[in-house]
Every structure is written in C-alpha cells, then in structure tokens.
Protein backbone atom coordinates (compact mmCIF):
# COMPACT_ATOMS: atom_id res chain seq x y z
CA MET A 1 0.00 0.00 0.00
CA GLY A 2 2.87 2.35 0.83
CA ASP A 3 4.33 1.89 -2.63
CA ASP A 4 0.96 2.74 -4.22
CA LEU A 5 0.79 5.93 -2.16
CA ASP A 6 4.33 6.84 -3.16
CA LYS A 7 3.37 6.47 -6.83
CA ARG A 8 0.26 8.56 -6.29
CA TYR A 9 2.29 11.41 -4.83
CA MET A 10 4.96 11.13 -7.53
CA ARG A 11 2.29 11.29 -10.24
CA LEU A 12 1.02 14.47 -8.61
CA ALA A 13 4.58 15.86 -8.69
CA LEU A 14 4.74 15.07 -12.42
CA ARG A 15 1.42 16.83 -13.07
CA LEU A 16 2.65 19.86 -11.15
CA ALA A 17 5.91 19.88 -13.12
CA LEU A 18 3.94 20.00 -16.38
CA LYS A 19 2.54 23.40 -15.39
CA GLY A 20 5.95 24.86 -16.15
CA MET A 21 6.18 23.37 -19.65
CA GLY A 22 7.55 25.89 -22.13
CA ARG A 23 8.49 28.35 -19.38
CA THR A 24 11.46 26.84 -17.52
CA SER A 25 14.20 26.70 -20.18
CA PRO A 26 17.10 26.18 -19.76
CA ASN A 27 15.97 24.49 -16.55
CA PRO A 28 14.03 21.22 -16.27
CA MET A 29 10.38 20.88 -15.29
CA VAL A 30 10.07 19.91 -11.63
CA GLY A 31 7.15 19.38 -9.27
CA ALA A 32 7.26 18.83 -5.51
CA VAL A 33 4.82 17.30 -3.03
CA LEU A 34 5.29 17.38 0.75
CA VAL A 35 3.44 14.71 2.73
CA ARG A 36 3.22 14.29 6.51
CA GLY A 37 1.04 11.90 8.44
CA GLY A 38 -0.57 10.64 5.24
CA LYS A 39 -1.70 14.13 4.21
CA ILE A 40 -0.40 16.53 1.59
CA ILE A 41 0.77 19.63 3.44
CA ALA A 42 2.24 21.60 0.53
CA THR A 43 3.03 21.45 -3.18
CA GLY A 44 5.07 23.49 -5.61
CA TYR A 45 6.51 23.57 -9.10
CA HIS A 46 9.27 25.43 -10.93
CA GLN A 47 7.56 28.22 -12.86
CA ARG A 48 10.42 29.72 -14.84
CA ALA A 49 14.22 30.06 -14.85
CA GLY A 50 15.37 32.39 -12.07
CA ASN A 51 12.35 31.66 -9.87
CA ASP A 52 12.45 29.38 -6.83
CA HIS A 53 12.78 25.68 -7.53
CA ALA A 54 9.80 23.41 -6.87
CA GLU A 55 11.05 22.07 -3.52
CA ILE A 56 11.70 25.58 -2.19
CA VAL A 57 8.17 26.67 -3.10
CA ALA A 58 6.74 23.65 -1.28
CA LEU A 59 8.99 24.17 1.79
CA GLU A 60 8.03 27.84 2.09
CA ARG A 61 4.35 26.95 1.90
CA ALA A 62 4.74 24.24 4.53
CA GLY A 63 6.86 26.23 6.97
CA LYS A 64 7.52 24.34 10.23
CA ARG A 65 5.17 21.56 9.15
CA ALA A 66 7.90 20.28 6.83
CA ARG A 67 9.81 18.78 9.79
CA GLY A 68 9.47 15.00 9.66
CA ALA A 69 7.70 15.08 6.27
CA THR A 70 8.37 13.16 3.05
CA LEU A 71 9.18 15.11 -0.10
CA TYR A 72 8.36 13.75 -3.56
CA LEU A 73 10.38 15.21 -6.47
CA ASN A 74 10.51 14.04 -10.06
CA LEU A 75 14.15 15.21 -10.31
CA GLU A 76 17.11 15.15 -7.93
CA PRO A 77 17.43 18.42 -5.95
CA CYS A 78 20.32 20.68 -6.88
CA SER A 79 23.38 20.98 -4.66
CA HIS A 80 25.18 23.84 -6.40
CA TYR A 81 24.89 27.61 -6.65
CA GLY A 82 23.29 28.89 -9.85
CA ARG A 83 20.67 31.61 -10.15
CA THR A 84 19.40 30.27 -6.83
CA PRO A 85 21.15 28.70 -3.79
CA PRO A 86 21.43 24.89 -3.45
CA CYS A 87 18.08 23.31 -2.66
CA THR A 88 19.75 20.56 -0.62
CA LEU A 89 20.73 23.09 2.07
CA SER A 90 17.13 24.20 2.48
CA LEU A 91 15.93 20.59 2.61
CA ILE A 92 18.43 19.70 5.32
CA ARG A 93 17.53 22.77 7.38
CA SER A 94 13.80 22.09 7.02
CA GLY A 95 13.98 18.79 8.91
CA VAL A 96 12.50 16.74 6.09
CA LYS A 97 12.84 13.08 7.05
CA ARG A 98 12.58 11.34 3.65
CA VAL A 99 12.97 12.32 0.00
CA VAL A 100 11.63 10.27 -2.91
CA VAL A 101 13.33 11.17 -6.20
CA GLY A 102 12.06 10.10 -9.62
CA MET A 103 15.35 10.43 -11.50
CA VAL A 104 18.95 11.46 -10.98
CA ASP A 105 19.96 14.81 -12.50
CA PRO A 106 21.35 14.02 -16.00
CA ASN A 107 23.84 16.89 -15.78
CA PRO A 108 27.17 15.01 -15.65
CA PHE A 109 28.72 17.72 -13.48
CA VAL A 110 26.14 17.50 -10.69
CA SER A 111 24.58 14.05 -11.13
CA GLY A 112 24.14 12.33 -7.77
CA ARG A 113 25.65 15.12 -5.67
CA GLY A 114 22.30 16.28 -4.30
CA ILE A 115 21.36 12.74 -3.30
CA ARG A 116 24.70 12.20 -1.57
CA SER A 117 24.38 15.50 0.32
CA LEU A 118 20.98 14.52 1.67
CA ARG A 119 22.12 11.06 2.71
CA ARG A 120 25.17 12.44 4.49
CA ALA A 121 22.78 14.64 6.47
CA GLY A 122 20.84 11.56 7.60
CA ILE A 123 17.87 11.99 5.27
CA GLN A 124 16.42 8.83 3.74
CA VAL A 125 16.54 9.04 -0.06
CA HIS A 126 14.77 6.68 -2.47
CA VAL A 127 15.60 7.02 -6.18
CA GLY A 128 13.85 5.78 -9.34
CA LEU A 129 10.13 5.81 -8.53
CA LEU A 130 8.25 6.13 -11.85
CA GLY A 131 11.64 6.67 -13.41
CA ALA A 132 10.52 6.13 -17.01
CA GLU A 133 7.76 8.74 -16.70
CA CYS A 134 10.18 11.19 -15.09
CA GLN A 135 12.75 10.62 -17.85
CA LYS A 136 10.16 11.21 -20.58
CA LEU A 137 8.86 14.41 -18.99
CA ASN A 138 12.31 16.01 -19.18
CA GLU A 139 13.54 14.34 -22.37
CA ALA A 140 14.43 17.72 -23.89
CA PHE A 141 16.42 18.77 -20.81
CA ARG A 142 18.25 15.44 -20.78
CA LYS A 143 19.54 16.03 -24.31
CA PHE A 144 20.32 19.70 -23.79
CA ILE A 145 22.27 19.29 -20.56
CA THR A 146 24.52 16.59 -22.02
CA ARG A 147 24.94 17.86 -25.62
CA ARG A 148 24.08 21.58 -25.33
CA ILE A 149 21.75 21.53 -28.33
CA PRO A 150 17.93 21.49 -28.34
CA PHE A 151 15.70 18.44 -28.56
CA VAL A 152 14.29 18.36 -32.12
CA ILE A 153 10.69 17.39 -32.90
CA LEU A 154 9.58 16.92 -36.50
CA LYS A 155 5.86 17.66 -36.94
CA LEU A 156 4.03 16.99 -40.21
CA ALA A 157 0.38 16.77 -41.25
CA ALA A 158 -0.52 14.64 -44.25
CA SER A 159 -3.25 12.74 -46.03
CA LEU A 160 -3.46 8.99 -45.50
CA ASP A 161 -1.28 8.46 -48.57
CA GLY A 162 1.42 10.77 -47.25
CA LYS A 163 0.73 14.02 -49.12
CA ILE A 164 0.97 17.45 -47.49
CA ALA A 165 -0.68 19.35 -50.35
CA THR A 166 -2.34 18.91 -53.72
CA SER A 167 -0.45 19.42 -56.99
CA THR A 168 -1.40 23.12 -56.87
CA GLY A 169 0.01 23.54 -53.38
CA ASP A 170 -3.37 23.70 -51.63
CA SER A 171 -2.98 22.39 -48.08
CA ARG A 172 -5.83 24.02 -46.13
CA TRP A 173 -6.99 22.14 -44.32
CA ILE A 174 -5.63 18.60 -44.35
CA THR A 175 -6.39 17.92 -40.69
CA GLU A 176 -9.35 18.72 -38.45
CA THR A 177 -9.73 21.54 -35.96
CA ALA A 178 -8.81 19.27 -33.03
CA SER A 179 -5.45 18.42 -34.60
CA ARG A 180 -4.68 22.05 -35.39
CA ARG A 181 -5.62 23.09 -31.85
CA TYR A 182 -3.16 20.53 -30.49
CA VAL A 183 -0.42 21.99 -32.69
CA HIS A 184 -1.01 25.34 -31.01
CA GLU A 185 -0.64 23.62 -27.65
CA LEU A 186 2.68 22.24 -28.86
CA ARG A 187 3.81 25.73 -29.89
CA ASN A 188 2.99 26.84 -26.38
CA GLN A 189 5.32 24.13 -25.04
CA VAL A 190 8.39 24.29 -27.29
CA ASP A 191 10.99 27.05 -27.29
CA ALA A 192 11.12 27.55 -31.06
CA VAL A 193 9.35 26.59 -34.28
CA VAL A 194 11.36 26.04 -37.47
CA VAL A 195 10.13 26.24 -41.08
CA GLY A 196 11.82 26.47 -44.46
CA ILE A 197 11.52 29.40 -46.82
CA GLY A 198 9.32 27.29 -49.10
CA THR A 199 6.63 27.18 -46.41
CA VAL A 200 6.89 30.95 -45.93
CA LEU A 201 6.52 31.62 -49.66
CA ALA A 202 3.64 29.17 -50.07
CA ASP A 203 1.60 29.77 -46.90
CA ASN A 204 2.84 33.05 -45.35
CA PRO A 205 2.38 31.57 -41.84
CA LYS A 206 2.37 33.48 -38.56
CA LEU A 207 3.62 30.54 -36.41
CA THR A 208 1.96 32.03 -33.36
CA CYS A 209 0.24 30.22 -30.50
CA ARG A 210 -3.48 30.85 -30.61
CA ILE A 211 -4.73 29.33 -27.37
CA PRO A 212 -5.87 31.27 -24.28
CA GLY A 213 -2.93 31.98 -22.01
CA GLY A 214 -0.44 30.62 -24.54
CA ARG A 215 2.87 32.18 -25.42
CA ASP A 216 4.55 32.46 -28.81
CA PRO A 217 7.76 30.47 -29.37
CA LEU A 218 10.71 31.84 -31.30
CA ARG A 219 10.06 31.62 -35.05
CA VAL A 220 13.00 30.38 -37.11
CA VAL A 221 13.04 30.51 -40.93
CA LEU A 222 15.69 28.57 -42.86
CA ASP A 223 16.29 30.85 -45.85
CA PRO A 224 19.70 30.13 -47.44
CA HIS A 225 19.44 32.89 -50.08
CA LEU A 226 17.37 35.40 -48.09
CA ARG A 227 14.24 35.19 -50.23
CA ILE A 228 11.79 36.06 -47.43
CA PRO A 229 9.38 38.78 -48.63
CA LEU A 230 9.43 41.95 -46.57
CA ARG A 231 5.63 41.72 -46.44
CA ALA A 232 5.77 38.31 -44.70
CA HIS A 233 3.65 37.93 -41.55
CA LEU A 234 6.72 36.68 -39.67
CA LEU A 235 8.32 40.12 -39.98
CA ARG A 236 5.20 42.00 -38.95
CA GLU A 237 4.11 40.25 -35.76
CA ARG A 238 3.67 42.16 -32.51
CA ASP A 239 6.95 40.66 -31.25
CA PRO A 240 9.21 40.78 -34.36
CA GLU A 241 12.31 40.15 -32.24
CA LYS A 242 11.09 36.58 -31.89
CA THR A 243 11.60 36.00 -35.62
CA ILE A 244 15.03 34.68 -36.64
CA VAL A 245 15.91 34.41 -40.32
CA VAL A 246 18.77 31.94 -40.74
CA THR A 247 20.55 32.53 -44.02
CA GLY A 248 23.84 32.17 -45.86
CA SER A 249 26.87 34.29 -45.13
CA ARG A 250 26.81 35.92 -48.57
CA VAL A 251 23.47 37.67 -48.96
CA PRO A 252 22.56 41.28 -49.86
CA ILE A 253 23.35 43.52 -46.89
CA ARG A 254 20.49 45.88 -47.83
CA LYS A 255 18.00 43.03 -47.43
CA VAL A 256 19.54 42.17 -44.05
CA GLU A 257 19.25 45.79 -42.93
CA ALA A 258 15.63 45.95 -44.09
CA ILE A 259 14.79 42.87 -42.01
CA HIS A 260 16.59 44.36 -39.01
CA ARG A 261 14.44 47.46 -39.29
CA PHE A 262 11.38 45.31 -38.60
CA GLY A 263 13.07 44.18 -35.38
CA ALA A 264 13.75 40.63 -36.55
CA GLN A 265 17.10 38.87 -36.27
CA VAL A 266 19.25 37.62 -39.15
CA TRP A 267 21.83 34.89 -38.58
CA GLY A 268 24.33 34.16 -41.33
CA PHE A 269 26.21 30.86 -41.68
CA PRO A 270 28.40 29.44 -44.46
CA LEU A 271 26.26 27.16 -46.60
CA ARG A 272 26.92 23.47 -47.12
CA GLY A 273 26.08 23.16 -50.79
CA SER A 274 22.82 25.11 -50.95
CA GLN A 275 21.71 24.30 -47.39
CA ILE A 276 22.25 25.77 -43.94
CA PRO A 277 23.93 23.15 -41.72
CA PHE A 278 21.49 22.22 -38.97
CA SER A 279 24.35 21.76 -36.52
CA SER A 280 25.38 25.43 -36.85
CA PHE A 281 22.13 27.06 -35.84
CA LEU A 282 21.23 24.31 -33.35
CA ARG A 283 24.42 25.10 -31.43
CA ARG A 284 23.53 28.79 -31.45
CA LEU A 285 20.01 28.06 -30.20
CA GLY A 286 21.59 25.91 -27.50
CA LYS A 287 23.78 28.82 -26.39
CA MET A 288 20.56 30.79 -25.93
CA GLY A 289 19.32 28.12 -23.52
CA LEU A 290 16.62 26.67 -25.78
CA LEU A 291 15.70 23.12 -24.80
CA SER A 292 13.30 22.17 -27.59
CA ILE A 293 12.42 23.10 -31.16
CA MET A 294 9.68 21.87 -33.48
CA VAL A 295 10.32 21.61 -37.20
CA GLU A 296 6.95 22.25 -38.85
CA GLY A 297 7.74 22.00 -42.53
CA GLY A 298 7.76 21.57 -45.32
CA ALA A 299 8.94 18.53 -47.24
CA THR A 300 12.38 19.94 -48.09
CA THR A 301 13.13 21.00 -44.52
CA ALA A 302 11.78 17.72 -43.13
CA GLY A 303 13.92 15.70 -45.52
CA TYR A 304 17.03 17.73 -44.76
CA ALA A 305 16.53 17.42 -41.00
CA LEU A 306 16.24 13.65 -41.35
CA GLN A 307 19.27 13.50 -43.63
CA GLU A 308 21.27 15.50 -41.07
CA ARG A 309 20.09 13.06 -38.37
CA VAL A 310 19.12 15.85 -35.97
CA VAL A 311 15.51 14.68 -35.41
CA ASP A 312 14.84 13.11 -32.01
CA LYS A 313 11.06 12.68 -32.16
CA VAL A 314 8.40 12.62 -34.88
CA LEU A 315 4.79 13.75 -34.66
CA PHE A 316 2.94 12.76 -37.82
CA PHE A 317 -0.74 13.70 -38.13
CA TYR A 318 -2.74 11.73 -40.71
CA ALA A 319 -6.16 12.70 -42.04
CA PRO A 320 -8.57 10.18 -43.61
CA LYS A 321 -8.09 11.67 -47.07
CA ILE A 322 -6.41 10.46 -50.26
CA ILE A 323 -4.79 12.97 -52.61
CA GLY A 324 -2.95 10.73 -55.06
CA GLY A 325 0.41 10.57 -56.74
CA GLU A 326 0.32 14.11 -58.10
CA GLY A 327 0.13 15.48 -54.55
CA ARG A 328 3.19 16.85 -52.78
CA PRO A 329 5.01 14.33 -50.57
CA MET A 330 5.43 14.95 -46.84
CA ILE A 331 9.19 14.26 -46.97
CA GLU A 332 11.50 14.79 -49.91
CA ALA A 333 13.94 12.11 -51.09
CA LEU A 334 16.36 10.77 -48.48
CA GLY A 335 18.48 8.77 -50.88
CA ILE A 336 17.57 5.46 -49.23
CA ARG A 337 18.04 2.56 -51.68
CA LYS A 338 17.70 -0.41 -49.31
CA MET A 339 15.00 -1.14 -46.74
CA SER A 340 17.72 -1.96 -44.24
CA HIS A 341 18.86 1.68 -44.47
CA SER A 342 15.43 3.16 -43.68
CA ARG A 343 14.99 5.24 -40.54
CA THR A 344 13.33 3.25 -37.77
CA ILE A 345 10.88 4.63 -35.23
CA ARG A 346 10.85 3.22 -31.69
CA ASP A 347 8.36 3.54 -28.83
CA MET A 348 5.60 4.42 -31.28
CA GLU A 349 2.24 5.65 -29.96
CA VAL A 350 -1.05 6.40 -31.72
CA LYS A 351 -3.66 8.95 -30.59
CA ARG A 352 -6.95 10.11 -32.08
CA PHE A 353 -7.91 13.73 -32.70
CA GLY A 354 -11.43 13.65 -34.06
CA LYS A 355 -11.20 11.79 -37.38
CA ASP A 356 -7.42 12.31 -37.57
CA PHE A 357 -4.79 10.27 -35.82
CA LEU A 358 -1.32 11.14 -34.58
CA ILE A 359 1.66 8.79 -34.75
CA SER A 360 4.53 9.71 -32.47
CA GLY A 361 7.82 8.02 -31.81
CA TYR A 362 11.57 8.42 -31.51
CA LEU A 363 14.28 8.11 -34.14
CA LYS A 364 16.84 5.39 -33.49
C-alpha cells in the first residue's frame, strides 16, 4: 500500500511539473509534493528560470510543518549555486525526514551530488520511482544538458497516402480543428518553431500560438538565399524580435538591414552546398538556452533534418483523405536505396484527434 501511495504522490509531482512546460528553459520541469502523516501539506513547481525551484516553493508553503515530512520530487534536488542557492541546504535545514526522487539529475557535473548531500545529512533518499515517466517528462532537458543543443521534434500533417498538399500547393486544411488546436498547444510548449523558406513563400504563416494563455515560441526561418518577402507575416508580428531568419553568409546587406528594421534577427552561416547546416544554428540556439524546437515544414526541410540526423522525435498527423500521386510528398527524397537503411521509429504511440490520428515516436 505504501508503494501505491508513493506512486500517487509522484504522479502528482509530475502533473505539477507539467505546469511549467515551455516556461522553464534552460531548466528542467520539476514538481514537488510534501506529505506528513498521510496528508499533503504543501506542493510546488518550478515556474520559470530564475524563480524558486519546486522544492523551495513547497517548503516555504509548509513552513515548520515540513519537519518530519516526506518530499516527492521528479528530479534530484540541486546541490550547487546557480541563479538560486542549493536546494539541498534548504531541505536539510527544514527537517525533512525522507525524500523520494524520480530520477537522478542528468547533468554530468552535478549528477548524484544532491542525493549524496541529503544522505550524508541523515535523510532517507529513495531514487527511481516512476523513473521512465520522469525521464520522458524532461527528455528535452536530458539532451540539452549533455549535448548543449535542443531536442528536435519533426511535426508533419498529411493525407493517408502521405501528401501534405495537392499538386497546386493547396494544403488548407488537411487535418481537423482538433489536430490544429493541439499543434497550437505544442507551440505553447516548445521554445522555437522552425520552417523552411518554401513554407513561408507558399503559406505566409504566422507561427503564433493561438490558445488562451499561450505564449509564442521563437520563429525560425531557414532561408539560405534570403528570399523572405518583406511583407511576410513573420516580420510583422507584434513581437518581431522573436523571428530569426537563418541565411547564408553571402546575402545582400540591404536586405539584411531591411529585415533588421522590422526588429527581426538575421543569422548568417556558411552554406553546405545550398543548405544551412542544422548543426550550426542548433548550437547557437543551445547557447541561448533553448531546450526544444519543433520543425513544422515543409517537405524539403523535413527531408534535410532527417538526412542530417538531428531529429529526435516525430509527430505525424494523418487525415482520412487520399490525394494521389500528383500530390506533394510529406518528406523529400532521403536517398535510401535499401529497406535496411530506412529510418526506424521506436516507442511508437497512436492517438486520435477527431477523425485524424497522430503517430509519435523516436528516431533510433
């Protein structure tokens, strides 16, 4: 029974952690639950970088009632000075008797130090409860903290026969309202959205988050030859500084200056052939502390991301429609000549959104 209760409290910690999704970068999402005498006495979650960590919020709400309590955390508490003091010191001073941790901090420089500090202070520490769920929640942080580049999600919406548009380029709307609403929820969660210049020229998207209380991610356009029209919505949003045009290093300076006047950013990188190396701008996004990006299209950008092997996770929406061979494919040629060389998806899941369905999974 005790183990069932522990899982119940850890699941609550995970739900609390989710409240910070899209707001905590470059920090992980963490929730905390304090329990004493079989009752929850306080909870907390990390709201955004620079704010108190989840366990500190819970301890402050509990006050003296924290003495002798059990703390449930989905991630090991920190033991180092950053923007905030070490959480382990506050836990030790609070008199907490037991700490249940979902996963060890993946940061190789601090991993396990918080747990050791608590144990040296005489606090019981149990590690690994609902470990798989805790790992999945912070999958983007796990990649970022070890490789210093964002977690990359490839999102595409297609007909059942794998077409993203008709032969004329018409793509509105392949999927239902429920699917499109979920995409806006995803934009609210990721740090940046990436599209190719082809999508900008064809659809003139805004790439904003249109859900109540949502926030807009950074908008990144891969535009090797700086073809973005100055009338594009992406340059005329209310927060133009959130638009980044990634281009080649040899483009017209007057066009760059014109884009700057809108308030948008222009990043120039040497091209590899006719393409912008994904590794170059991913490293720069990592230096900004971005944990996750979502590549939204189109077929050229999707194919290039897969060729560059930067994609960690796929989200493919399929609508019950058939467009036919003259339609535009969801992914351009990858140069795969043998089935044994095809990209394999693991841990695949299927969800329904109205009449549409979503296939998600991870690239091996």
